[in-house]
Amino acid sequence: QHGLSTADVLLGYLVAKDIVTLPKSVTPARIKSNLEGALAAA
């Protein structure tokens, strides 16, 4: 509905509630998308 990935929604759901969110990844593209996607979804 919002033009996001499911991971974005899962992370943004927490960030929107002012929960400090700590996604783990060792993949550069995923590390970047976790931050950008979470903020976009929030």
Full PDB file with SEQRES, HELIX, SHEET, SSBOND, CRYST1, ORIGX, SCALE, CONECT and MASTER records, all heavy atoms in Angstrom:
SEQRES   1 A   42  GLN HIS GLY LEU SER THR ALA ASP VAL LEU LEU GLY TYR          
SEQRES   2 A   42  LEU VAL ALA LYS ASP ILE VAL THR LEU PRO LYS SER VAL          
SEQRES   3 A   42  THR PRO ALA ARG ILE LYS SER ASN LEU GLU GLY ALA LEU          
SEQRES   4 A   42  ALA ALA ALA                                                  
HELIX    1 AA1 THR A    6  VAL A   15  1                                  10    
HELIX    2 AA2 PRO A   28  ALA A   41  1                                  14    
CRYST1    1.000    1.000    1.000  90.00  90.00  90.00 P 1           1          
ORIGX1      1.000000  0.000000  0.000000        0.00000                         
ORIGX2      0.000000  1.000000  0.000000        0.00000                         
ORIGX3      0.000000  0.000000  1.000000        0.00000                         
SCALE1      1.000000  0.000000  0.000000        0.00000                         
SCALE2      0.000000  1.000000  0.000000        0.00000                         
SCALE3      0.000000  0.000000  1.000000        0.00000                         
ATOM      1  N   GLN A   1       0.823  -1.218   0.000  1.00  0.00           N  
ATOM      2  CA  GLN A   1       0.000   0.000   0.000  1.00  0.00           C  
ATOM      3  C   GLN A   1       0.859   1.270   0.000  1.00  0.00           C  
ATOM      4  O   GLN A   1       0.534   2.259  -0.662  1.00  0.00           O  
ATOM      5  CB  GLN A   1      -0.900  -0.030   1.234  1.00  0.00           C  
ATOM      6  CG  GLN A   1      -1.822   1.161   1.391  1.00  0.00           C  
ATOM      7  CD  GLN A   1      -2.606   1.070   2.707  1.00  0.00           C  
ATOM      8  OE1 GLN A   1      -2.976  -0.013   3.146  1.00  0.00           O  
ATOM      9  NE2 GLN A   1      -2.830   2.201   3.346  1.00  0.00           N  
ATOM     10  N   HIS A   2       1.975   1.222   0.732  1.00  0.00           N  
ATOM     11  CA  HIS A   2       2.803   2.418   0.895  1.00  0.00           C  
ATOM     12  C   HIS A   2       4.058   2.422   0.017  1.00  0.00           C  
ATOM     13  O   HIS A   2       4.889   3.331   0.147  1.00  0.00           O  
ATOM     14  CB  HIS A   2       3.226   2.554   2.363  1.00  0.00           C  
ATOM     15  CG  HIS A   2       2.104   2.899   3.295  1.00  0.00           C  
ATOM     16  ND1 HIS A   2       1.388   4.083   3.214  1.00  0.00           N  
ATOM     17  CD2 HIS A   2       1.567   2.209   4.343  1.00  0.00           C  
ATOM     18  CE1 HIS A   2       0.477   4.113   4.177  1.00  0.00           C  
ATOM     19  NE2 HIS A   2       0.566   2.989   4.876  1.00  0.00           N  
ATOM     20  N   GLY A   3       4.216   1.413  -0.839  1.00  0.00           N  
ATOM     21  CA  GLY A   3       5.411   1.361  -1.687  1.00  0.00           C  
ATOM     22  C   GLY A   3       6.677   1.078  -0.911  1.00  0.00           C  
ATOM     23  O   GLY A   3       7.739   1.639  -1.181  1.00  0.00           O  
ATOM     24  N   LEU A   4       6.573   0.190   0.066  1.00  0.00           N  
ATOM     25  CA  LEU A   4       7.691  -0.179   0.931  1.00  0.00           C  
ATOM     26  C   LEU A   4       7.935  -1.682   0.847  1.00  0.00           C  
ATOM     27  O   LEU A   4       7.129  -2.410   0.280  1.00  0.00           O  
ATOM     28  CB  LEU A   4       7.361   0.182   2.389  1.00  0.00           C  
ATOM     29  CG  LEU A   4       7.083   1.656   2.699  1.00  0.00           C  
ATOM     30  CD1 LEU A   4       6.350   1.785   4.035  1.00  0.00           C  
ATOM     31  CD2 LEU A   4       8.391   2.446   2.742  1.00  0.00           C  
ATOM     32  N   SER A   5       9.025  -2.149   1.435  1.00  0.00           N  
ATOM     33  CA  SER A   5       9.216  -3.590   1.589  1.00  0.00           C  
ATOM     34  C   SER A   5       8.611  -4.009   2.924  1.00  0.00           C  
ATOM     35  O   SER A   5       8.385  -3.173   3.811  1.00  0.00           O  
ATOM     36  CB  SER A   5      10.703  -3.952   1.562  1.00  0.00           C  
ATOM     37  OG  SER A   5      11.333  -3.572   2.775  1.00  0.00           O  
ATOM     38  N   THR A   6       8.376  -5.308   3.076  1.00  0.00           N  
ATOM     39  CA  THR A   6       7.837  -5.795   4.354  1.00  0.00           C  
ATOM     40  C   THR A   6       8.816  -5.520   5.490  1.00  0.00           C  
ATOM     41  O   THR A   6       8.411  -5.141   6.592  1.00  0.00           O  
ATOM     42  CB  THR A   6       7.521  -7.298   4.271  1.00  0.00           C  
ATOM     43  OG1 THR A   6       6.623  -7.512   3.176  1.00  0.00           O  
ATOM     44  CG2 THR A   6       6.862  -7.802   5.541  1.00  0.00           C  
ATOM     45  N   ALA A   7      10.112  -5.669   5.215  1.00  0.00           N  
ATOM     46  CA  ALA A   7      11.119  -5.369   6.246  1.00  0.00           C  
ATOM     47  C   ALA A   7      11.034  -3.911   6.677  1.00  0.00           C  
ATOM     48  O   ALA A   7      11.148  -3.594   7.876  1.00  0.00           O  
ATOM     49  CB  ALA A   7      12.519  -5.691   5.727  1.00  0.00           C  
ATOM     50  N   ASP A   8      10.813  -3.012   5.718  1.00  0.00           N  
ATOM     51  CA  ASP A   8      10.660  -1.588   6.050  1.00  0.00           C  
ATOM     52  C   ASP A   8       9.527  -1.392   7.051  1.00  0.00           C  
ATOM     53  O   ASP A   8       9.663  -0.660   8.040  1.00  0.00           O  
ATOM     54  CB  ASP A   8      10.340  -0.767   4.799  1.00  0.00           C  
ATOM     55  CG  ASP A   8      11.436  -0.774   3.756  1.00  0.00           C  
ATOM     56  OD1 ASP A   8      12.585  -1.098   4.100  1.00  0.00           O  
ATOM     57  OD2 ASP A   8      11.132  -0.454   2.585  1.00  0.00           O  
ATOM     58  N   VAL A   9       8.394  -2.044   6.783  1.00  0.00           N  
ATOM     59  CA  VAL A   9       7.215  -1.895   7.645  1.00  0.00           C  
ATOM     60  C   VAL A   9       7.507  -2.450   9.042  1.00  0.00           C  
ATOM     61  O   VAL A   9       7.165  -1.827  10.055  1.00  0.00           O  
ATOM     62  CB  VAL A   9       5.990  -2.596   7.028  1.00  0.00           C  
ATOM     63  CG1 VAL A   9       4.827  -2.682   8.026  1.00  0.00           C  
ATOM     64  CG2 VAL A   9       5.543  -1.853   5.770  1.00  0.00           C  
ATOM     65  N   LEU A  10       8.143  -3.610   9.116  1.00  0.00           N  
ATOM     66  CA  LEU A  10       8.437  -4.227  10.406  1.00  0.00           C  
ATOM     67  C   LEU A  10       9.338  -3.326  11.254  1.00  0.00           C  
ATOM     68  O   LEU A  10       9.150  -3.218  12.474  1.00  0.00           O  
ATOM     69  CB  LEU A  10       9.102  -5.590  10.200  1.00  0.00           C  
ATOM     70  CG  LEU A  10       8.234  -6.666   9.551  1.00  0.00           C  
ATOM     71  CD1 LEU A  10       9.086  -7.885   9.207  1.00  0.00           C  
ATOM     72  CD2 LEU A  10       7.065  -7.066  10.443  1.00  0.00           C  
ATOM     73  N   LEU A  11      10.319  -2.689  10.622  1.00  0.00           N  
ATOM     74  CA  LEU A  11      11.229  -1.802  11.353  1.00  0.00           C  
ATOM     75  C   LEU A  11      10.571  -0.452  11.642  1.00  0.00           C  
ATOM     76  O   LEU A  11      10.664   0.075  12.757  1.00  0.00           O  
ATOM     77  CB  LEU A  11      12.522  -1.603  10.555  1.00  0.00           C  
ATOM     78  CG  LEU A  11      13.369  -2.856  10.314  1.00  0.00           C  
ATOM     79  CD1 LEU A  11      14.533  -2.548   9.384  1.00  0.00           C  
ATOM     80  CD2 LEU A  11      13.885  -3.437  11.624  1.00  0.00           C  
ATOM     81  N   GLY A  12       9.916   0.103  10.642  1.00  0.00           N  
ATOM     82  CA  GLY A  12       9.286   1.401  10.810  1.00  0.00           C  
ATOM     83  C   GLY A  12       8.182   1.391  11.847  1.00  0.00           C  
ATOM     84  O   GLY A  12       7.943   2.392  12.535  1.00  0.00           O  
ATOM     85  N   TYR A  13       7.498   0.258  11.988  1.00  0.00           N  
ATOM     86  CA  TYR A  13       6.451   0.073  12.997  1.00  0.00           C  
ATOM     87  C   TYR A  13       7.010   0.345  14.392  1.00  0.00           C  
ATOM     88  O   TYR A  13       6.364   0.989  15.229  1.00  0.00           O  
ATOM     89  CB  TYR A  13       5.926  -1.355  12.876  1.00  0.00           C  
ATOM     90  CG  TYR A  13       5.205  -1.922  14.070  1.00  0.00           C  
ATOM     91  CD1 TYR A  13       4.036  -1.347  14.557  1.00  0.00           C  
ATOM     92  CD2 TYR A  13       5.681  -3.080  14.701  1.00  0.00           C  
ATOM     93  CE1 TYR A  13       3.373  -1.896  15.645  1.00  0.00           C  
ATOM     94  CE2 TYR A  13       5.021  -3.631  15.781  1.00  0.00           C  
ATOM     95  CZ  TYR A  13       3.869  -3.040  16.257  1.00  0.00           C  
ATOM     96  OH  TYR A  13       3.215  -3.584  17.335  1.00  0.00           O  
ATOM     97  N   LEU A  14       8.220  -0.108  14.652  1.00  0.00           N  
ATOM     98  CA  LEU A  14       8.856   0.099  15.950  1.00  0.00           C  
ATOM     99  C   LEU A  14       9.391   1.518  16.091  1.00  0.00           C  
ATOM    100  O   LEU A  14       9.182   2.177  17.116  1.00  0.00           O  
ATOM    101  CB  LEU A  14       9.989  -0.921  16.144  1.00  0.00           C  
ATOM    102  CG  LEU A  14       9.561  -2.390  16.116  1.00  0.00           C  
ATOM    103  CD1 LEU A  14      10.780  -3.299  16.056  1.00  0.00           C  
ATOM    104  CD2 LEU A  14       8.697  -2.741  17.321  1.00  0.00           C  
ATOM    105  N   VAL A  15      10.077   1.995  15.053  1.00  0.00           N  
ATOM    106  CA  VAL A  15      10.660   3.339  15.102  1.00  0.00           C  
ATOM    107  C   VAL A  15       9.570   4.397  15.295  1.00  0.00           C  
ATOM    108  O   VAL A  15       9.755   5.369  16.045  1.00  0.00           O  
ATOM    109  CB  VAL A  15      11.477   3.616  13.818  1.00  0.00           C  
ATOM    110  CG1 VAL A  15      11.940   5.069  13.762  1.00  0.00           C  
ATOM    111  CG2 VAL A  15      12.684   2.678  13.743  1.00  0.00           C  
ATOM    112  N   ALA A  16       8.427   4.200  14.659  1.00  0.00           N  
ATOM    113  CA  ALA A  16       7.312   5.151  14.780  1.00  0.00           C  
ATOM    114  C   ALA A  16       6.806   5.250  16.219  1.00  0.00           C  
ATOM    115  O   ALA A  16       6.195   6.246  16.604  1.00  0.00           O  
ATOM    116  CB  ALA A  16       6.169   4.737  13.853  1.00  0.00           C  
ATOM    117  N   LYS A  17       7.073   4.204  17.015  1.00  0.00           N  
ATOM    118  CA  LYS A  17       6.643   4.202  18.419  1.00  0.00           C  
ATOM    119  C   LYS A  17       7.776   4.638  19.356  1.00  0.00           C  
ATOM    120  O   LYS A  17       7.700   4.446  20.567  1.00  0.00           O  
ATOM    121  CB  LYS A  17       6.137   2.805  18.807  1.00  0.00           C  
ATOM    122  CG  LYS A  17       4.946   2.365  17.978  1.00  0.00           C  
ATOM    123  CD  LYS A  17       4.101   1.321  18.657  1.00  0.00           C  
ATOM    124  CE  LYS A  17       4.731  -0.042  18.689  1.00  0.00           C  
ATOM    125  NZ  LYS A  17       3.798  -1.038  19.303  1.00  0.00           N  
ATOM    126  N   ASP A  18       8.835   5.239  18.773  1.00  0.00           N  
ATOM    127  CA  ASP A  18      10.001   5.700  19.548  1.00  0.00           C  
ATOM    128  C   ASP A  18      10.697   4.557  20.290  1.00  0.00           C  
ATOM    129  O   ASP A  18      11.222   4.734  21.397  1.00  0.00           O  
ATOM    130  CB  ASP A  18       9.617   6.812  20.538  1.00  0.00           C  
ATOM    131  CG  ASP A  18       9.486   8.165  19.852  1.00  0.00           C  
ATOM    132  OD1 ASP A  18       9.979   8.314  18.718  1.00  0.00           O  
ATOM    133  OD2 ASP A  18       8.886   9.074  20.446  1.00  0.00           O  
ATOM    134  N   ILE A  19      10.705   3.392  19.664  1.00  0.00           N  
ATOM    135  CA  ILE A  19      11.459   2.251  20.178  1.00  0.00           C  
ATOM    136  C   ILE A  19      12.807   2.225  19.452  1.00  0.00           C  
ATOM    137  O   ILE A  19      12.851   2.250  18.218  1.00  0.00           O  
ATOM    138  CB  ILE A  19      10.706   0.931  19.930  1.00  0.00           C  
ATOM    139  CG1 ILE A  19       9.383   0.922  20.712  1.00  0.00           C  
ATOM    140  CG2 ILE A  19      11.565  -0.269  20.295  1.00  0.00           C  
ATOM    141  CD1 ILE A  19       8.434  -0.191  20.303  1.00  0.00           C  
ATOM    142  N   VAL A  20      13.896   2.220  20.210  1.00  0.00           N  
ATOM    143  CA  VAL A  20      15.217   2.119  19.599  1.00  0.00           C  
ATOM    144  C   VAL A  20      15.342   0.731  18.967  1.00  0.00           C  
ATOM    145  O   VAL A  20      15.172  -0.285  19.648  1.00  0.00           O  
ATOM    146  CB  VAL A  20      16.333   2.358  20.633  1.00  0.00           C  
ATOM    147  CG1 VAL A  20      17.700   2.133  20.004  1.00  0.00           C  
ATOM    148  CG2 VAL A  20      16.236   3.770  21.206  1.00  0.00           C  
ATOM    149  N   THR A  21      15.602   0.701  17.672  1.00  0.00           N  
ATOM    150  CA  THR A  21      15.480  -0.521  16.890  1.00  0.00           C  
ATOM    151  C   THR A  21      16.851  -0.948  16.377  1.00  0.00           C  
ATOM    152  O   THR A  21      17.596  -0.129  15.839  1.00  0.00           O  
ATOM    153  CB  THR A  21      14.493  -0.286  15.727  1.00  0.00           C  
ATOM    154  OG1 THR A  21      13.244   0.168  16.288  1.00  0.00           O  
ATOM    155  CG2 THR A  21      14.243  -1.543  14.921  1.00  0.00           C  
ATOM    156  N   LEU A  22      17.176  -2.242  16.554  1.00  0.00           N  
ATOM    157  CA  LEU A  22      18.541  -2.728  16.323  1.00  0.00           C  
ATOM    158  C   LEU A  22      18.584  -3.880  15.316  1.00  0.00           C  
ATOM    159  O   LEU A  22      18.861  -5.023  15.670  1.00  0.00           O  
ATOM    160  CB  LEU A  22      19.140  -3.192  17.666  1.00  0.00           C  
ATOM    161  CG  LEU A  22      19.137  -2.126  18.775  1.00  0.00           C  
ATOM    162  CD1 LEU A  22      19.436  -2.755  20.123  1.00  0.00           C  
ATOM    163  CD2 LEU A  22      20.123  -1.012  18.451  1.00  0.00           C  
ATOM    164  N   PRO A  23      18.322  -3.594  14.039  1.00  0.00           N  
ATOM    165  CA  PRO A  23      18.411  -4.653  13.032  1.00  0.00           C  
ATOM    166  C   PRO A  23      19.855  -5.083  12.831  1.00  0.00           C  
ATOM    167  O   PRO A  23      20.774  -4.260  12.855  1.00  0.00           O  
ATOM    168  CB  PRO A  23      17.856  -3.987  11.766  1.00  0.00           C  
ATOM    169  CG  PRO A  23      18.117  -2.531  11.964  1.00  0.00           C  
ATOM    170  CD  PRO A  23      17.974  -2.287  13.447  1.00  0.00           C  
ATOM    171  N   LYS A  24      20.040  -6.377  12.629  1.00  0.00           N  
ATOM    172  CA  LYS A  24      21.376  -6.931  12.414  1.00  0.00           C  
ATOM    173  C   LYS A  24      21.530  -7.370  10.966  1.00  0.00           C  
ATOM    174  O   LYS A  24      20.643  -8.000  10.399  1.00  0.00           O  
ATOM    175  CB  LYS A  24      21.599  -8.105  13.367  1.00  0.00           C  
ATOM    176  CG  LYS A  24      22.873  -8.896  13.107  1.00  0.00           C  
ATOM    177  CD  LYS A  24      22.599 -10.229  12.437  1.00  0.00           C  
ATOM    178  CE  LYS A  24      23.901 -10.852  11.951  1.00  0.00           C  
ATOM    179  NZ  LYS A  24      23.695 -12.161  11.311  1.00  0.00           N  
ATOM    180  N   SER A  25      22.649  -7.001  10.364  1.00  0.00           N  
ATOM    181  CA  SER A  25      22.972  -7.505   9.040  1.00  0.00           C  
ATOM    182  C   SER A  25      24.463  -7.353   8.829  1.00  0.00           C  
ATOM    183  O   SER A  25      25.114  -6.511   9.454  1.00  0.00           O  
ATOM    184  CB  SER A  25      22.225  -6.747   7.936  1.00  0.00           C  
ATOM    185  OG  SER A  25      22.559  -7.274   6.668  1.00  0.00           O  
ATOM    186  N   VAL A  26      25.025  -8.186   7.947  1.00  0.00           N  
ATOM    187  CA  VAL A  26      26.424  -8.014   7.534  1.00  0.00           C  
ATOM    188  C   VAL A  26      26.505  -7.724   6.031  1.00  0.00           C  
ATOM    189  O   VAL A  26      27.587  -7.642   5.468  1.00  0.00           O  
ATOM    190  CB  VAL A  26      27.283  -9.257   7.886  1.00  0.00           C  
ATOM    191  CG1 VAL A  26      27.374  -9.435   9.404  1.00  0.00           C  
ATOM    192  CG2 VAL A  26      26.735 -10.523   7.240  1.00  0.00           C  
ATOM    193  N   THR A  27      25.351  -7.566   5.408  1.00  0.00           N  
ATOM    194  CA  THR A  27      25.288  -7.304   3.968  1.00  0.00           C  
ATOM    195  C   THR A  27      25.159  -5.802   3.734  1.00  0.00           C  
ATOM    196  O   THR A  27      24.189  -5.190   4.207  1.00  0.00           O  
ATOM    197  CB  THR A  27      24.058  -8.014   3.355  1.00  0.00           C  
ATOM    198  OG1 THR A  27      24.084  -9.381   3.752  1.00  0.00           O  
ATOM    199  CG2 THR A  27      24.054  -7.892   1.852  1.00  0.00           C  
ATOM    200  N   PRO A  28      26.105  -5.177   3.014  1.00  0.00           N  
ATOM    201  CA  PRO A  28      26.067  -3.714   2.851  1.00  0.00           C  
ATOM    202  C   PRO A  28      24.735  -3.173   2.353  1.00  0.00           C  
ATOM    203  O   PRO A  28      24.223  -2.194   2.909  1.00  0.00           O  
ATOM    204  CB  PRO A  28      27.195  -3.453   1.844  1.00  0.00           C  
ATOM    205  CG  PRO A  28      28.187  -4.543   2.115  1.00  0.00           C  
ATOM    206  CD  PRO A  28      27.351  -5.755   2.450  1.00  0.00           C  
ATOM    207  N   ALA A  29      24.151  -3.794   1.356  1.00  0.00           N  
ATOM    208  CA  ALA A  29      22.880  -3.290   0.816  1.00  0.00           C  
ATOM    209  C   ALA A  29      21.777  -3.368   1.856  1.00  0.00           C  
ATOM    210  O   ALA A  29      20.948  -2.447   1.976  1.00  0.00           O  
ATOM    211  CB  ALA A  29      22.490  -4.081  -0.430  1.00  0.00           C  
ATOM    212  N   ARG A  30      21.759  -4.448   2.629  1.00  0.00           N  
ATOM    213  CA  ARG A  30      20.731  -4.614   3.655  1.00  0.00           C  
ATOM    214  C   ARG A  30      20.964  -3.657   4.821  1.00  0.00           C  
ATOM    215  O   ARG A  30      20.017  -3.103   5.380  1.00  0.00           O  
ATOM    216  CB  ARG A  30      20.722  -6.075   4.156  1.00  0.00           C  
ATOM    217  CG  ARG A  30      19.730  -6.358   5.269  1.00  0.00           C  
ATOM    218  CD  ARG A  30      18.304  -6.125   4.849  1.00  0.00           C  
ATOM    219  NE  ARG A  30      17.876  -7.021   3.791  1.00  0.00           N  
ATOM    220  CZ  ARG A  30      16.767  -6.882   3.085  1.00  0.00           C  
ATOM    221  NH1 ARG A  30      15.984  -5.837   3.315  1.00  0.00           N  
ATOM    222  NH2 ARG A  30      16.446  -7.735   2.150  1.00  0.00           N  
ATOM    223  N   ILE A  31      22.216  -3.450   5.191  1.00  0.00           N  
ATOM    224  CA  ILE A  31      22.537  -2.492   6.263  1.00  0.00           C  
ATOM    225  C   ILE A  31      21.978  -1.120   5.907  1.00  0.00           C  
ATOM    226  O   ILE A  31      21.341  -0.448   6.727  1.00  0.00           O  
ATOM    227  CB  ILE A  31      24.069  -2.425   6.478  1.00  0.00           C  
ATOM    228  CG1 ILE A  31      24.572  -3.723   7.124  1.00  0.00           C  
ATOM    229  CG2 ILE A  31      24.450  -1.225   7.348  1.00  0.00           C  
ATOM    230  CD1 ILE A  31      26.077  -3.874   7.144  1.00  0.00           C  
ATOM    231  N   LYS A  32      22.188  -0.717   4.661  1.00  0.00           N  
ATOM    232  CA  LYS A  32      21.719   0.590   4.197  1.00  0.00           C  
ATOM    233  C   LYS A  32      20.191   0.633   4.121  1.00  0.00           C  
ATOM    234  O   LYS A  32      19.556   1.580   4.593  1.00  0.00           O  
ATOM    235  CB  LYS A  32      22.327   0.890   2.831  1.00  0.00           C  
ATOM    236  CG  LYS A  32      22.089   2.310   2.354  1.00  0.00           C  
ATOM    237  CD  LYS A  32      22.824   2.566   1.035  1.00  0.00           C  
ATOM    238  CE  LYS A  32      22.606   4.006   0.574  1.00  0.00           C  
ATOM    239  NZ  LYS A  32      23.187   4.263  -0.755  1.00  0.00           N  
ATOM    240  N   SER A  33      19.589  -0.410   3.550  1.00  0.00           N  
ATOM    241  CA  SER A  33      18.133  -0.392   3.371  1.00  0.00           C  
ATOM    242  C   SER A  33      17.399  -0.507   4.704  1.00  0.00           C  
ATOM    243  O   SER A  33      16.285   0.017   4.850  1.00  0.00           O  
ATOM    244  CB  SER A  33      17.688  -1.503   2.415  1.00  0.00           C  
ATOM    245  OG  SER A  33      17.895  -2.785   2.984  1.00  0.00           O  
ATOM    246  N   ASN A  34      18.002  -1.165   5.691  1.00  0.00           N  
ATOM    247  CA  ASN A  34      17.353  -1.246   7.011  1.00  0.00           C  
ATOM    248  C   ASN A  34      17.174   0.141   7.613  1.00  0.00           C  
ATOM    249  O   ASN A  34      16.124   0.450   8.187  1.00  0.00           O  
ATOM    250  CB  ASN A  34      18.169  -2.117   7.964  1.00  0.00           C  
ATOM    251  CG  ASN A  34      17.965  -3.601   7.739  1.00  0.00           C  
ATOM    252  OD1 ASN A  34      17.002  -4.023   7.095  1.00  0.00           O  
ATOM    253  ND2 ASN A  34      18.867  -4.415   8.271  1.00  0.00           N  
ATOM    254  N   LEU A  35      18.190   0.987   7.489  1.00  0.00           N  
ATOM    255  CA  LEU A  35      18.101   2.343   8.028  1.00  0.00           C  
ATOM    256  C   LEU A  35      17.148   3.201   7.198  1.00  0.00           C  
ATOM    257  O   LEU A  35      16.201   3.803   7.731  1.00  0.00           O  
ATOM    258  CB  LEU A  35      19.498   2.978   8.065  1.00  0.00           C  
ATOM    259  CG  LEU A  35      19.586   4.438   8.512  1.00  0.00           C  
ATOM    260  CD1 LEU A  35      19.036   4.626   9.916  1.00  0.00           C  
ATOM    261  CD2 LEU A  35      21.019   4.937   8.443  1.00  0.00           C  
ATOM    262  N   GLU A  36      17.376   3.228   5.904  1.00  0.00           N  
ATOM    263  CA  GLU A  36      16.560   4.089   5.038  1.00  0.00           C  
ATOM    264  C   GLU A  36      15.100   3.638   5.012  1.00  0.00           C  
ATOM    265  O   GLU A  36      14.185   4.464   5.072  1.00  0.00           O  
ATOM    266  CB  GLU A  36      17.140   4.096   3.614  1.00  0.00           C  
ATOM    267  CG  GLU A  36      18.510   4.757   3.544  1.00  0.00           C  
ATOM    268  CD  GLU A  36      19.118   4.699   2.151  1.00  0.00           C  
ATOM    269  OE1 GLU A  36      18.531   4.024   1.267  1.00  0.00           O  
ATOM    270  OE2 GLU A  36      20.175   5.321   1.950  1.00  0.00           O  
ATOM    271  N   GLY A  37      14.876   2.318   4.927  1.00  0.00           N  
ATOM    272  CA  GLY A  37      13.518   1.791   4.865  1.00  0.00           C  
ATOM    273  C   GLY A  37      12.755   2.004   6.151  1.00  0.00           C  
ATOM    274  O   GLY A  37      11.558   2.329   6.139  1.00  0.00           O  
ATOM    275  N   ALA A  38      13.439   1.836   7.286  1.00  0.00           N  
ATOM    276  CA  ALA A  38      12.787   2.044   8.584  1.00  0.00           C  
ATOM    277  C   ALA A  38      12.318   3.482   8.722  1.00  0.00           C  
ATOM    278  O   ALA A  38      11.197   3.747   9.186  1.00  0.00           O  
ATOM    279  CB  ALA A  38      13.746   1.688   9.715  1.00  0.00           C  
ATOM    280  N   LEU A  39      13.163   4.428   8.326  1.00  0.00           N  
ATOM    281  CA  LEU A  39      12.802   5.845   8.449  1.00  0.00           C  
ATOM    282  C   LEU A  39      11.670   6.203   7.495  1.00  0.00           C  
ATOM    283  O   LEU A  39      10.755   6.949   7.859  1.00  0.00           O  
ATOM    284  CB  LEU A  39      14.029   6.721   8.184  1.00  0.00           C  
ATOM    285  CG  LEU A  39      15.177   6.566   9.192  1.00  0.00           C  
ATOM    286  CD1 LEU A  39      16.330   7.486   8.837  1.00  0.00           C  
ATOM    287  CD2 LEU A  39      14.699   6.826  10.614  1.00  0.00           C  
ATOM    288  N   ALA A  40      11.717   5.652   6.281  1.00  0.00           N  
ATOM    289  CA  ALA A  40      10.643   5.913   5.311  1.00  0.00           C  
ATOM    290  C   ALA A  40       9.318   5.363   5.819  1.00  0.00           C  
ATOM    291  O   ALA A  40       8.275   6.035   5.753  1.00  0.00           O  
ATOM    292  CB  ALA A  40      10.998   5.293   3.963  1.00  0.00           C  
ATOM    293  N   ALA A  41       9.346   4.149   6.355  1.00  0.00           N  
ATOM    294  CA  ALA A  41       8.118   3.526   6.848  1.00  0.00           C  
ATOM    295  C   ALA A  41       7.570   4.259   8.074  1.00  0.00           C  
ATOM    296  O   ALA A  41       6.356   4.436   8.217  1.00  0.00           O  
ATOM    297  CB  ALA A  41       8.368   2.062   7.182  1.00  0.00           C  
ATOM    298  N   ALA A  42       8.466   4.688   8.958  1.00  0.00           N  
ATOM    299  CA  ALA A  42       8.023   5.395  10.157  1.00  0.00           C  
ATOM    300  C   ALA A  42       7.263   6.671   9.792  1.00  0.00           C  
ATOM    301  O   ALA A  42       6.332   7.080  10.491  1.00  0.00           O  
ATOM    302  CB  ALA A  42       9.212   5.721  11.050  1.00  0.00           C  
TER     303      ALA A  42                                                      
MASTER        0    0    0    2    0    0    0    6  302    1    0    4          
END                                                                             
